Every structure is written in structure tokens, then in C-alpha cells.
Amino acid sequence: MKKSWLLLLLISSMFSAVTNAQTETRFGIQLAPTFSWLTTDYGDIGSNGSNLGFAMAIKADMFFAEKAAFSFGLGLGLNQGGRLLHNNPGDYFFNSELSDNILHALPELSDIRYKVNYIQVPLSLKILTDEILQLRDMRFSVDAPIFTLGLRNKAFADITGLSGVQGFEDNFYKEIVSKDINPLDLSWGFGIGMEYNLSGTSRDGTSLLVGLTYAQSIFDITKNDGSRIVDGLIEEENSSATRHNINIVVVFNTYLYGF
């Protein structure tokens, strides 16, 4: 966690430097369908599917040069996560109060879909190009790096692969597992897009941006307080789960003066 605090300190220093400079500010509303999946560093827990989610945010671009801005926002990321197939039996939700105690002793080949909702604070450096050739109302934009601080709201799990297993009558859906998901998430990423001026110019009007972003969590999103059974022996469940996101981003931007 020390690395995360150092990174947050660096980001806050960048923000302070920009806010102390003479800036023009434009505000935007961002909507984004999201595709997320999980990977782990443990061979017996494998990625087994993705989540379709949604993200929304209110953003501000604070320009400190003609084509460069410091961008930040506040938003929500819904249904983030993915499916993991667990080859070993175990208790993967040690801290959570599940609907049935039998879920604290999952069999091998249990398939768990994590669905996590986050309050998100994205911070990035945005670079804009000149207008493209003769299409003077269009230009490219690049956001790199993008750092996003996530505050976990609620987390759910769909636990499948249980039907027909001795002791289990059916699969389980929407189990509340927030206590086994880390409350803080930090991710890095980058984005590209194309921006079209709807009115005015690129420096004083309104615009629509369509683009793609990629993000990857820096730290394990799970708490690892559970256990697993390997070759008949109980051991700590200490795998690290990384979340990956690809977002289709649509942003409506407009300048507001006096900020």
C-alpha cells in the first residue's frame, strides 16, 4: 500500500501545479459501456469470462497549454469484474455472510463471477492534435497515463458449476461479497479518441468525443483471507486477481468560463 500512497501523492502534486497555473476549463459528461475480465497469478484459478458493465462520470479538462490539459472527474463504474474458474475446493469468501454456509466449502471447478460497483476518480494527462487535414472540425486526442482511484461500493458474486455436485442443490446468484473485495482500487491505463466540434471552435465551443480506453488494476482486488485445499492439504488462498477493462467512451464537452 505504500506504493499506492506515493502514487496518489504524485498525482495530487500534479493537480496542485496545474490548478495554480492560468487555465481554461471545459466540462464534460462521459458515458461508457465497459467490458471487464479478471486474471490471476495462480495457475489453478483461470479467467473464464467477462462482464458487460457501464461507467459514467462528470469530467473537467484544465488546459495548461493550447493542446494539453490535466483531466479529472468523478463517476461510477458498475458491474466491473469477470468470471474465475477455481480448480481447487476451498473457502473463497471467508469474511462474507453468505446465504448458505455450504458456500464456505466450495467444490472444485466452482465458477465465480465477480460483479463490483465502484465510485471512481479518474485523473489523466490529455493531449490534443491539430484539426485533421481538411476536416477542420475534427481532431484526435490521447489520454496517457490515466490513473483511476476506485472506492468499492457493493460487490456481488454469482457462484455456478454447483448443480449436480453432492451437497449442492443449485447454483447461487447475487451473493453479497463486499467484505472480501478490497475497499480501495487503483488502476492505470490509456485512451485514444476522435473529437468533433458541434459548435464554435475547438477552444471555445462544444464538442463530442468518441474513443476507447484500456485500464488495468495495479493491486489485487481481493482480500485473500480465505483458504483452498490442494492435494488434500489446506493452504492460504493468496492469489492476486487483476481487473482489466476496455471502455467505449462517449463524452460531451463544453467550455464554462469563470472557473
C-alpha atoms as a PDB file:
ATOM      1  CA  MET A   1       0.000   0.000   0.000  1.00  0.00           C
ATOM      2  CA  LYS A   2       2.979   2.347   0.411  1.00  0.00           C
ATOM      3  CA  LYS A   3       3.375   2.448  -3.379  1.00  0.00           C
ATOM      4  CA  SER A   4      -0.267   3.468  -3.803  1.00  0.00           C
ATOM      5  CA  TRP A   5       0.106   6.344  -1.331  1.00  0.00           C
ATOM      6  CA  LEU A   6       3.254   7.562  -3.100  1.00  0.00           C
ATOM      7  CA  LEU A   7       1.433   7.442  -6.428  1.00  0.00           C
ATOM      8  CA  LEU A   8      -1.528   9.360  -5.010  1.00  0.00           C
ATOM      9  CA  LEU A   9       0.880  11.967  -3.612  1.00  0.00           C
ATOM     10  CA  LEU A  10       2.457  12.383  -7.062  1.00  0.00           C
ATOM     11  CA  ILE A  11      -0.966  12.765  -8.688  1.00  0.00           C
ATOM     12  CA  SER A  12      -2.053  15.366  -6.118  1.00  0.00           C
ATOM     13  CA  SER A  13       1.169  17.313  -6.719  1.00  0.00           C
ATOM     14  CA  MET A  14       0.466  17.360 -10.470  1.00  0.00           C
ATOM     15  CA  PHE A  15      -3.074  18.574  -9.788  1.00  0.00           C
ATOM     16  CA  SER A  16      -1.825  21.330  -7.465  1.00  0.00           C
ATOM     17  CA  ALA A  17       0.677  22.554 -10.067  1.00  0.00           C
ATOM     18  CA  VAL A  18      -1.995  22.778 -12.762  1.00  0.00           C
ATOM     19  CA  THR A  19      -4.614  24.476 -10.591  1.00  0.00           C
ATOM     20  CA  ASN A  20      -2.090  27.163  -9.640  1.00  0.00           C
ATOM     21  CA  ALA A  21      -1.487  27.965 -13.319  1.00  0.00           C
ATOM     22  CA  GLN A  22      -3.638  30.097 -15.635  1.00  0.00           C
ATOM     23  CA  THR A  23      -6.076  27.640 -17.180  1.00  0.00           C
ATOM     24  CA  GLU A  24      -9.112  27.339 -19.380  1.00  0.00           C
ATOM     25  CA  THR A  25     -11.545  24.715 -18.199  1.00  0.00           C
ATOM     26  CA  ARG A  26     -14.095  22.686 -20.078  1.00  0.00           C
ATOM     27  CA  PHE A  27     -16.540  20.279 -18.525  1.00  0.00           C
ATOM     28  CA  GLY A  28     -17.865  17.024 -19.885  1.00  0.00           C
ATOM     29  CA  ILE A  29     -20.350  14.231 -19.294  1.00  0.00           C
ATOM     30  CA  GLN A  30     -18.891  10.793 -20.048  1.00  0.00           C
ATOM     31  CA  LEU A  31     -20.863   7.607 -20.725  1.00  0.00           C
ATOM     32  CA  ALA A  32     -19.153   4.289 -21.420  1.00  0.00           C
ATOM     33  CA  PRO A  33     -20.208   0.679 -21.924  1.00  0.00           C
ATOM     34  CA  THR A  34     -17.446  -1.416 -20.334  1.00  0.00           C
ATOM     35  CA  PHE A  35     -16.028  -4.878 -20.919  1.00  0.00           C
ATOM     36  CA  SER A  36     -14.067  -6.231 -17.946  1.00  0.00           C
ATOM     37  CA  TRP A  37     -12.342  -9.502 -17.113  1.00  0.00           C
ATOM     38  CA  LEU A  38     -10.094 -10.913 -14.401  1.00  0.00           C
ATOM     39  CA  THR A  39      -6.737 -12.671 -14.495  1.00  0.00           C
ATOM     40  CA  THR A  40      -4.750 -14.189 -11.624  1.00  0.00           C
ATOM     41  CA  ASP A  41      -1.166 -15.134 -10.838  1.00  0.00           C
ATOM     42  CA  TYR A  42      -2.204 -18.643  -9.735  1.00  0.00           C
ATOM     43  CA  GLY A  43      -2.423 -21.356 -12.378  1.00  0.00           C
ATOM     44  CA  ASP A  44      -5.357 -23.217 -10.799  1.00  0.00           C
ATOM     45  CA  ILE A  45      -7.599 -20.126 -10.918  1.00  0.00           C
ATOM     46  CA  GLY A  46      -8.265 -19.167 -14.515  1.00  0.00           C
ATOM     47  CA  SER A  47     -10.095 -16.423 -16.360  1.00  0.00           C
ATOM     48  CA  ASN A  48     -13.404 -17.788 -17.623  1.00  0.00           C
ATOM     49  CA  GLY A  49     -15.462 -14.904 -18.987  1.00  0.00           C
ATOM     50  CA  SER A  50     -16.076 -11.170 -18.989  1.00  0.00           C
ATOM     51  CA  ASN A  51     -18.643  -8.727 -17.599  1.00  0.00           C
ATOM     52  CA  LEU A  52     -20.638  -6.192 -19.564  1.00  0.00           C
ATOM     53  CA  GLY A  53     -20.894  -3.116 -17.380  1.00  0.00           C
ATOM     54  CA  PHE A  54     -21.397   0.612 -17.552  1.00  0.00           C
ATOM     55  CA  ALA A  55     -19.489   3.679 -16.385  1.00  0.00           C
ATOM     56  CA  MET A  56     -20.481   7.329 -16.160  1.00  0.00           C
ATOM     57  CA  ALA A  57     -18.646  10.401 -14.969  1.00  0.00           C
ATOM     58  CA  ILE A  58     -18.591  14.181 -14.810  1.00  0.00           C
ATOM     59  CA  LYS A  59     -15.180  15.365 -16.032  1.00  0.00           C
ATOM     60  CA  ALA A  60     -13.154  18.565 -16.295  1.00  0.00           C
ATOM     61  CA  ASP A  61     -10.241  19.345 -18.619  1.00  0.00           C
ATOM     62  CA  MET A  62      -7.971  22.067 -17.241  1.00  0.00           C
ATOM     63  CA  PHE A  63      -5.792  23.345 -20.094  1.00  0.00           C
ATOM     64  CA  PHE A  64      -2.285  24.434 -19.156  1.00  0.00           C
ATOM     65  CA  ALA A  65      -1.189  24.681 -22.822  1.00  0.00           C
ATOM     66  CA  GLU A  66      -3.022  25.121 -26.120  1.00  0.00           C
ATOM     67  CA  LYS A  67      -3.334  21.383 -26.742  1.00  0.00           C
ATOM     68  CA  ALA A  68      -2.599  19.860 -23.335  1.00  0.00           C
ATOM     69  CA  ALA A  69      -4.827  19.505 -20.309  1.00  0.00           C
ATOM     70  CA  PHE A  70      -4.974  17.868 -16.933  1.00  0.00           C
ATOM     71  CA  SER A  71      -8.223  15.891 -16.803  1.00  0.00           C
ATOM     72  CA  PHE A  72     -10.048  14.692 -13.703  1.00  0.00           C
ATOM     73  CA  GLY A  73     -13.535  13.554 -12.823  1.00  0.00           C
ATOM     74  CA  LEU A  74     -15.968  11.802 -10.526  1.00  0.00           C
ATOM     75  CA  GLY A  75     -18.139   8.897 -11.553  1.00  0.00           C
ATOM     76  CA  LEU A  76     -19.433   5.361 -11.135  1.00  0.00           C
ATOM     77  CA  GLY A  77     -18.235   2.049 -12.543  1.00  0.00           C
ATOM     78  CA  LEU A  78     -20.955  -0.610 -12.422  1.00  0.00           C
ATOM     79  CA  ASN A  79     -20.707  -4.403 -12.769  1.00  0.00           C
ATOM     80  CA  GLN A  80     -16.914  -4.441 -13.002  1.00  0.00           C
ATOM     81  CA  GLY A  81     -15.090  -7.767 -12.688  1.00  0.00           C
ATOM     82  CA  GLY A  82     -15.371 -11.063 -14.531  1.00  0.00           C
ATOM     83  CA  ARG A  83     -15.504 -14.847 -14.106  1.00  0.00           C
ATOM     84  CA  LEU A  84     -12.847 -17.031 -12.477  1.00  0.00           C
ATOM     85  CA  LEU A  85     -12.825 -20.834 -12.599  1.00  0.00           C
ATOM     86  CA  HIS A  86     -11.407 -22.367  -9.396  1.00  0.00           C
ATOM     87  CA  ASN A  87      -9.845 -25.795  -9.892  1.00  0.00           C
ATOM     88  CA  ASN A  88      -9.362 -26.350  -6.147  1.00  0.00           C
ATOM     89  CA  PRO A  89     -12.077 -26.605  -3.482  1.00  0.00           C
ATOM     90  CA  GLY A  90     -11.975 -24.026  -0.718  1.00  0.00           C
ATOM     91  CA  ASP A  91     -13.474 -21.104   1.173  1.00  0.00           C
ATOM     92  CA  TYR A  92     -13.040 -18.113  -1.122  1.00  0.00           C
ATOM     93  CA  PHE A  93     -15.357 -15.759   0.815  1.00  0.00           C
ATOM     94  CA  PHE A  94     -14.120 -16.108   4.379  1.00  0.00           C
ATOM     95  CA  ASN A  95     -15.288 -12.637   5.514  1.00  0.00           C
ATOM     96  CA  SER A  96     -18.692 -12.565   3.813  1.00  0.00           C
ATOM     97  CA  GLU A  97     -22.052 -13.562   5.263  1.00  0.00           C
ATOM     98  CA  LEU A  98     -23.379 -15.795   2.502  1.00  0.00           C
ATOM     99  CA  SER A  99     -26.933 -17.042   2.061  1.00  0.00           C
ATOM    100  CA  ASP A 100     -25.891 -20.635   2.870  1.00  0.00           C
ATOM    101  CA  ASN A 101     -22.928 -21.758   4.983  1.00  0.00           C
ATOM    102  CA  ILE A 102     -22.218 -24.509   2.475  1.00  0.00           C
ATOM    103  CA  LEU A 103     -20.767 -21.778   0.212  1.00  0.00           C
ATOM    104  CA  HIS A 104     -17.802 -21.556   2.587  1.00  0.00           C
ATOM    105  CA  ALA A 105     -16.782 -25.007   1.334  1.00  0.00           C
ATOM    106  CA  LEU A 106     -16.987 -24.737  -2.452  1.00  0.00           C
ATOM    107  CA  PRO A 107     -16.155 -27.798  -4.561  1.00  0.00           C
ATOM    108  CA  GLU A 108     -13.535 -27.939  -7.287  1.00  0.00           C
ATOM    109  CA  LEU A 109     -14.412 -26.307 -10.618  1.00  0.00           C
ATOM    110  CA  SER A 110     -16.583 -23.674  -8.959  1.00  0.00           C
ATOM    111  CA  ASP A 111     -17.180 -20.814 -11.371  1.00  0.00           C
ATOM    112  CA  ILE A 112     -17.394 -17.399  -9.678  1.00  0.00           C
ATOM    113  CA  ARG A 113     -18.485 -14.224 -11.465  1.00  0.00           C
ATOM    114  CA  TYR A 114     -17.423 -11.118  -9.535  1.00  0.00           C
ATOM    115  CA  LYS A 115     -19.614  -8.023 -10.002  1.00  0.00           C
ATOM    116  CA  VAL A 116     -18.203  -4.954  -8.253  1.00  0.00           C
ATOM    117  CA  ASN A 117     -19.527  -1.384  -8.203  1.00  0.00           C
ATOM    118  CA  TYR A 118     -17.020   1.439  -7.684  1.00  0.00           C
ATOM    119  CA  ILE A 119     -17.105   5.169  -7.072  1.00  0.00           C
ATOM    120  CA  GLN A 120     -14.303   6.322  -9.372  1.00  0.00           C
ATOM    121  CA  VAL A 121     -11.985   9.336  -9.533  1.00  0.00           C
ATOM    122  CA  PRO A 122     -10.105   9.345 -12.873  1.00  0.00           C
ATOM    123  CA  LEU A 123      -7.019  11.544 -13.385  1.00  0.00           C
ATOM    124  CA  SER A 124      -5.128  11.836 -16.665  1.00  0.00           C
ATOM    125  CA  LEU A 125      -2.955  13.899 -18.980  1.00  0.00           C
ATOM    126  CA  LYS A 126      -4.783  14.772 -22.213  1.00  0.00           C
ATOM    127  CA  ILE A 127      -3.023  15.714 -25.472  1.00  0.00           C
ATOM    128  CA  LEU A 128      -4.956  17.038 -28.492  1.00  0.00           C
ATOM    129  CA  THR A 129      -3.816  17.221 -32.115  1.00  0.00           C
ATOM    130  CA  ASP A 130      -4.425  19.916 -34.708  1.00  0.00           C
ATOM    131  CA  GLU A 131      -7.551  19.599 -36.817  1.00  0.00           C
ATOM    132  CA  ILE A 132      -7.250  16.728 -39.310  1.00  0.00           C
ATOM    133  CA  LEU A 133      -6.353  17.820 -42.863  1.00  0.00           C
ATOM    134  CA  GLN A 134      -9.386  19.491 -44.444  1.00  0.00           C
ATOM    135  CA  LEU A 135     -11.744  18.219 -41.744  1.00  0.00           C
ATOM    136  CA  ARG A 136     -11.222  21.264 -39.612  1.00  0.00           C
ATOM    137  CA  ASP A 137     -13.898  20.317 -37.119  1.00  0.00           C
ATOM    138  CA  MET A 138     -12.208  17.020 -36.129  1.00  0.00           C
ATOM    139  CA  ARG A 139      -9.072  16.100 -34.223  1.00  0.00           C
ATOM    140  CA  PHE A 140      -7.535  13.218 -32.286  1.00  0.00           C
ATOM    141  CA  SER A 141      -6.996  13.054 -28.541  1.00  0.00           C
ATOM    142  CA  VAL A 142      -4.762  10.860 -26.390  1.00  0.00           C
ATOM    143  CA  ASP A 143      -5.105  10.334 -22.637  1.00  0.00           C
ATOM    144  CA  ALA A 144      -1.959   8.837 -21.128  1.00  0.00           C
ATOM    145  CA  PRO A 145      -1.457   7.920 -18.460  1.00  0.00           C
ATOM    146  CA  ILE A 146      -4.891   7.521 -16.882  1.00  0.00           C
ATOM    147  CA  PHE A 147      -4.923   6.759 -13.156  1.00  0.00           C
ATOM    148  CA  THR A 148      -8.269   5.872 -11.581  1.00  0.00           C
ATOM    149  CA  LEU A 149      -8.882   5.638  -7.864  1.00  0.00           C
ATOM    150  CA  GLY A 150     -11.827   3.362  -7.111  1.00  0.00           C
ATOM    151  CA  LEU A 151     -13.796   3.204  -3.874  1.00  0.00           C
ATOM    152  CA  ARG A 152     -15.646  -0.088  -3.650  1.00  0.00           C
ATOM    153  CA  ASN A 153     -19.375   0.340  -3.089  1.00  0.00           C
ATOM    154  CA  LYS A 154     -21.040  -3.086  -3.263  1.00  0.00           C
ATOM    155  CA  ALA A 155     -19.698  -6.354  -4.596  1.00  0.00           C
ATOM    156  CA  PHE A 156     -21.667  -9.426  -5.625  1.00  0.00           C
ATOM    157  CA  ALA A 157     -20.799 -12.924  -6.788  1.00  0.00           C
ATOM    158  CA  ASP A 158     -22.652 -15.453  -8.927  1.00  0.00           C
ATOM    159  CA  ILE A 159     -21.420 -18.919  -7.948  1.00  0.00           C
ATOM    160  CA  THR A 160     -22.115 -21.575 -10.575  1.00  0.00           C
ATOM    161  CA  GLY A 161     -20.846 -25.003 -11.571  1.00  0.00           C
ATOM    162  CA  LEU A 162     -22.535 -26.445  -8.469  1.00  0.00           C
ATOM    163  CA  SER A 163     -25.547 -28.208  -9.976  1.00  0.00           C
ATOM    164  CA  GLY A 164     -25.239 -31.954  -9.531  1.00  0.00           C
ATOM    165  CA  VAL A 165     -22.394 -31.679  -7.010  1.00  0.00           C
ATOM    166  CA  GLN A 166     -23.075 -33.631  -3.818  1.00  0.00           C
ATOM    167  CA  GLY A 167     -24.436 -31.325  -1.123  1.00  0.00           C
ATOM    168  CA  PHE A 168     -25.433 -28.573  -3.556  1.00  0.00           C
ATOM    169  CA  GLU A 169     -28.955 -28.387  -4.943  1.00  0.00           C
ATOM    170  CA  ASP A 170     -28.417 -25.472  -7.305  1.00  0.00           C
ATOM    171  CA  ASN A 171     -26.232 -22.514  -8.248  1.00  0.00           C
ATOM    172  CA  PHE A 172     -26.217 -19.292  -6.230  1.00  0.00           C
ATOM    173  CA  TYR A 173     -26.596 -15.774  -7.598  1.00  0.00           C
ATOM    174  CA  LYS A 174     -26.003 -12.242  -6.317  1.00  0.00           C
ATOM    175  CA  GLU A 175     -24.272 -13.252  -3.108  1.00  0.00           C
ATOM    176  CA  ILE A 176     -23.008 -10.156  -1.262  1.00  0.00           C
ATOM    177  CA  VAL A 177     -19.204 -10.463  -1.019  1.00  0.00           C
ATOM    178  CA  SER A 178     -18.158  -6.854  -0.373  1.00  0.00           C
ATOM    179  CA  LYS A 179     -16.158  -7.848   2.719  1.00  0.00           C
ATOM    180  CA  ASP A 180     -13.852  -9.981   0.568  1.00  0.00           C
ATOM    181  CA  ILE A 181     -13.120  -7.237  -2.002  1.00  0.00           C
ATOM    182  CA  ASN A 182     -10.525  -4.588  -1.174  1.00  0.00           C
ATOM    183  CA  PRO A 183     -12.183  -1.220  -0.427  1.00  0.00           C
ATOM    184  CA  LEU A 184      -9.625   0.737  -2.485  1.00  0.00           C
ATOM    185  CA  ASP A 185      -8.700   0.080  -6.103  1.00  0.00           C
ATOM    186  CA  LEU A 186      -6.101   1.857  -8.190  1.00  0.00           C
ATOM    187  CA  SER A 187      -5.727   1.303 -11.923  1.00  0.00           C
ATOM    188  CA  TRP A 188      -3.617   2.680 -14.755  1.00  0.00           C
ATOM    189  CA  GLY A 189      -4.448   2.910 -18.425  1.00  0.00           C
ATOM    190  CA  PHE A 190      -4.590   4.977 -21.597  1.00  0.00           C
ATOM    191  CA  GLY A 191      -7.130   6.125 -24.138  1.00  0.00           C
ATOM    192  CA  ILE A 192      -7.494   7.380 -27.704  1.00  0.00           C
ATOM    193  CA  GLY A 193     -10.378   9.184 -29.323  1.00  0.00           C
ATOM    194  CA  MET A 194     -11.672  11.427 -32.063  1.00  0.00           C
ATOM    195  CA  GLU A 195     -13.292  14.742 -31.189  1.00  0.00           C
ATOM    196  CA  TYR A 196     -15.799  16.630 -33.354  1.00  0.00           C
ATOM    197  CA  ASN A 197     -16.758  20.262 -32.782  1.00  0.00           C
ATOM    198  CA  LEU A 198     -20.531  20.641 -32.623  1.00  0.00           C
ATOM    199  CA  SER A 199     -20.453  24.430 -32.355  1.00  0.00           C
ATOM    200  CA  GLY A 200     -17.886  27.192 -32.070  1.00  0.00           C
ATOM    201  CA  THR A 201     -14.199  26.392 -32.282  1.00  0.00           C
ATOM    202  CA  SER A 202     -12.015  23.826 -30.553  1.00  0.00           C
ATOM    203  CA  ARG A 203     -11.077  26.481 -27.982  1.00  0.00           C
ATOM    204  CA  ASP A 204     -14.468  27.915 -27.050  1.00  0.00           C
ATOM    205  CA  GLY A 205     -17.257  25.667 -28.312  1.00  0.00           C
ATOM    206  CA  THR A 206     -18.928  22.354 -27.588  1.00  0.00           C
ATOM    207  CA  SER A 207     -17.675  19.016 -28.859  1.00  0.00           C
ATOM    208  CA  LEU A 208     -18.415  15.303 -28.931  1.00  0.00           C
ATOM    209  CA  LEU A 209     -15.637  12.754 -28.352  1.00  0.00           C
ATOM    210  CA  VAL A 210     -15.838   9.044 -29.164  1.00  0.00           C
ATOM    211  CA  GLY A 211     -12.972   6.760 -28.179  1.00  0.00           C
ATOM    212  CA  LEU A 212     -11.577   3.668 -26.498  1.00  0.00           C
ATOM    213  CA  THR A 213      -9.796   3.326 -23.161  1.00  0.00           C
ATOM    214  CA  TYR A 214      -7.934   0.440 -21.546  1.00  0.00           C
ATOM    215  CA  ALA A 215      -7.388   0.109 -17.796  1.00  0.00           C
ATOM    216  CA  GLN A 216      -5.724  -2.455 -15.544  1.00  0.00           C
ATOM    217  CA  SER A 217      -5.772  -2.614 -11.748  1.00  0.00           C
ATOM    218  CA  ILE A 218      -2.378  -2.192 -10.097  1.00  0.00           C
ATOM    219  CA  PHE A 219      -3.094  -4.142  -6.917  1.00  0.00           C
ATOM    220  CA  ASP A 220      -5.040  -7.293  -6.018  1.00  0.00           C
ATOM    221  CA  ILE A 221      -8.773  -6.548  -5.939  1.00  0.00           C
ATOM    222  CA  THR A 222      -9.473  -9.386  -3.442  1.00  0.00           C
ATOM    223  CA  LYS A 223      -8.512  -9.643   0.235  1.00  0.00           C
ATOM    224  CA  ASN A 224      -7.118 -13.232   0.284  1.00  0.00           C
ATOM    225  CA  ASP A 225      -8.383 -14.131   3.766  1.00  0.00           C
ATOM    226  CA  GLY A 226      -9.793 -17.467   2.599  1.00  0.00           C
ATOM    227  CA  SER A 227      -8.304 -20.911   2.090  1.00  0.00           C
ATOM    228  CA  ARG A 228      -8.101 -23.645  -0.538  1.00  0.00           C
ATOM    229  CA  ILE A 229      -7.446 -27.374  -0.498  1.00  0.00           C
ATOM    230  CA  VAL A 230      -4.552 -28.603  -2.660  1.00  0.00           C
ATOM    231  CA  ASP A 231      -3.605 -32.283  -2.681  1.00  0.00           C
ATOM    232  CA  GLY A 232      -5.610 -32.808   0.482  1.00  0.00           C
ATOM    233  CA  LEU A 233      -3.852 -30.013   2.385  1.00  0.00           C
ATOM    234  CA  ILE A 234      -5.420 -26.702   3.472  1.00  0.00           C
ATOM    235  CA  GLU A 235      -3.398 -23.652   2.461  1.00  0.00           C
ATOM    236  CA  GLU A 236      -3.883 -19.905   2.380  1.00  0.00           C
ATOM    237  CA  GLU A 237      -5.712 -18.550  -0.648  1.00  0.00           C
ATOM    238  CA  ASN A 238      -3.192 -15.870  -1.594  1.00  0.00           C
ATOM    239  CA  SER A 239      -3.671 -15.472  -5.336  1.00  0.00           C
ATOM    240  CA  SER A 240      -3.695 -11.964  -6.806  1.00  0.00           C
ATOM    241  CA  ALA A 241      -6.618 -11.006  -9.068  1.00  0.00           C
ATOM    242  CA  THR A 242      -6.124  -8.256 -11.662  1.00  0.00           C
ATOM    243  CA  ARG A 243      -9.064  -6.484 -13.308  1.00  0.00           C
ATOM    244  CA  HIS A 244      -8.842  -5.411 -16.962  1.00  0.00           C
ATOM    245  CA  ASN A 245     -11.238  -3.001 -18.679  1.00  0.00           C
ATOM    246  CA  ILE A 246     -11.919  -1.901 -22.233  1.00  0.00           C
ATOM    247  CA  ASN A 247     -14.367   1.009 -22.378  1.00  0.00           C
ATOM    248  CA  ILE A 248     -16.191   2.535 -25.351  1.00  0.00           C
ATOM    249  CA  VAL A 249     -16.232   6.195 -24.340  1.00  0.00           C
ATOM    250  CA  VAL A 250     -18.620   8.950 -25.413  1.00  0.00           C
ATOM    251  CA  VAL A 251     -18.018  12.415 -23.950  1.00  0.00           C
ATOM    252  CA  PHE A 252     -19.976  15.632 -24.479  1.00  0.00           C
ATOM    253  CA  ASN A 253     -17.692  18.621 -23.708  1.00  0.00           C
ATOM    254  CA  THR A 254     -18.395  22.332 -23.313  1.00  0.00           C
ATOM    255  CA  TYR A 255     -16.423  25.331 -22.041  1.00  0.00           C
ATOM    256  CA  LEU A 256     -17.568  27.228 -18.973  1.00  0.00           C
ATOM    257  CA  TYR A 257     -15.781  30.453 -18.260  1.00  0.00           C
ATOM    258  CA  GLY A 258     -15.187  31.884 -14.841  1.00  0.00           C
ATOM    259  CA  PHE A 259     -13.632  28.648 -13.466  1.00  0.00           C
END
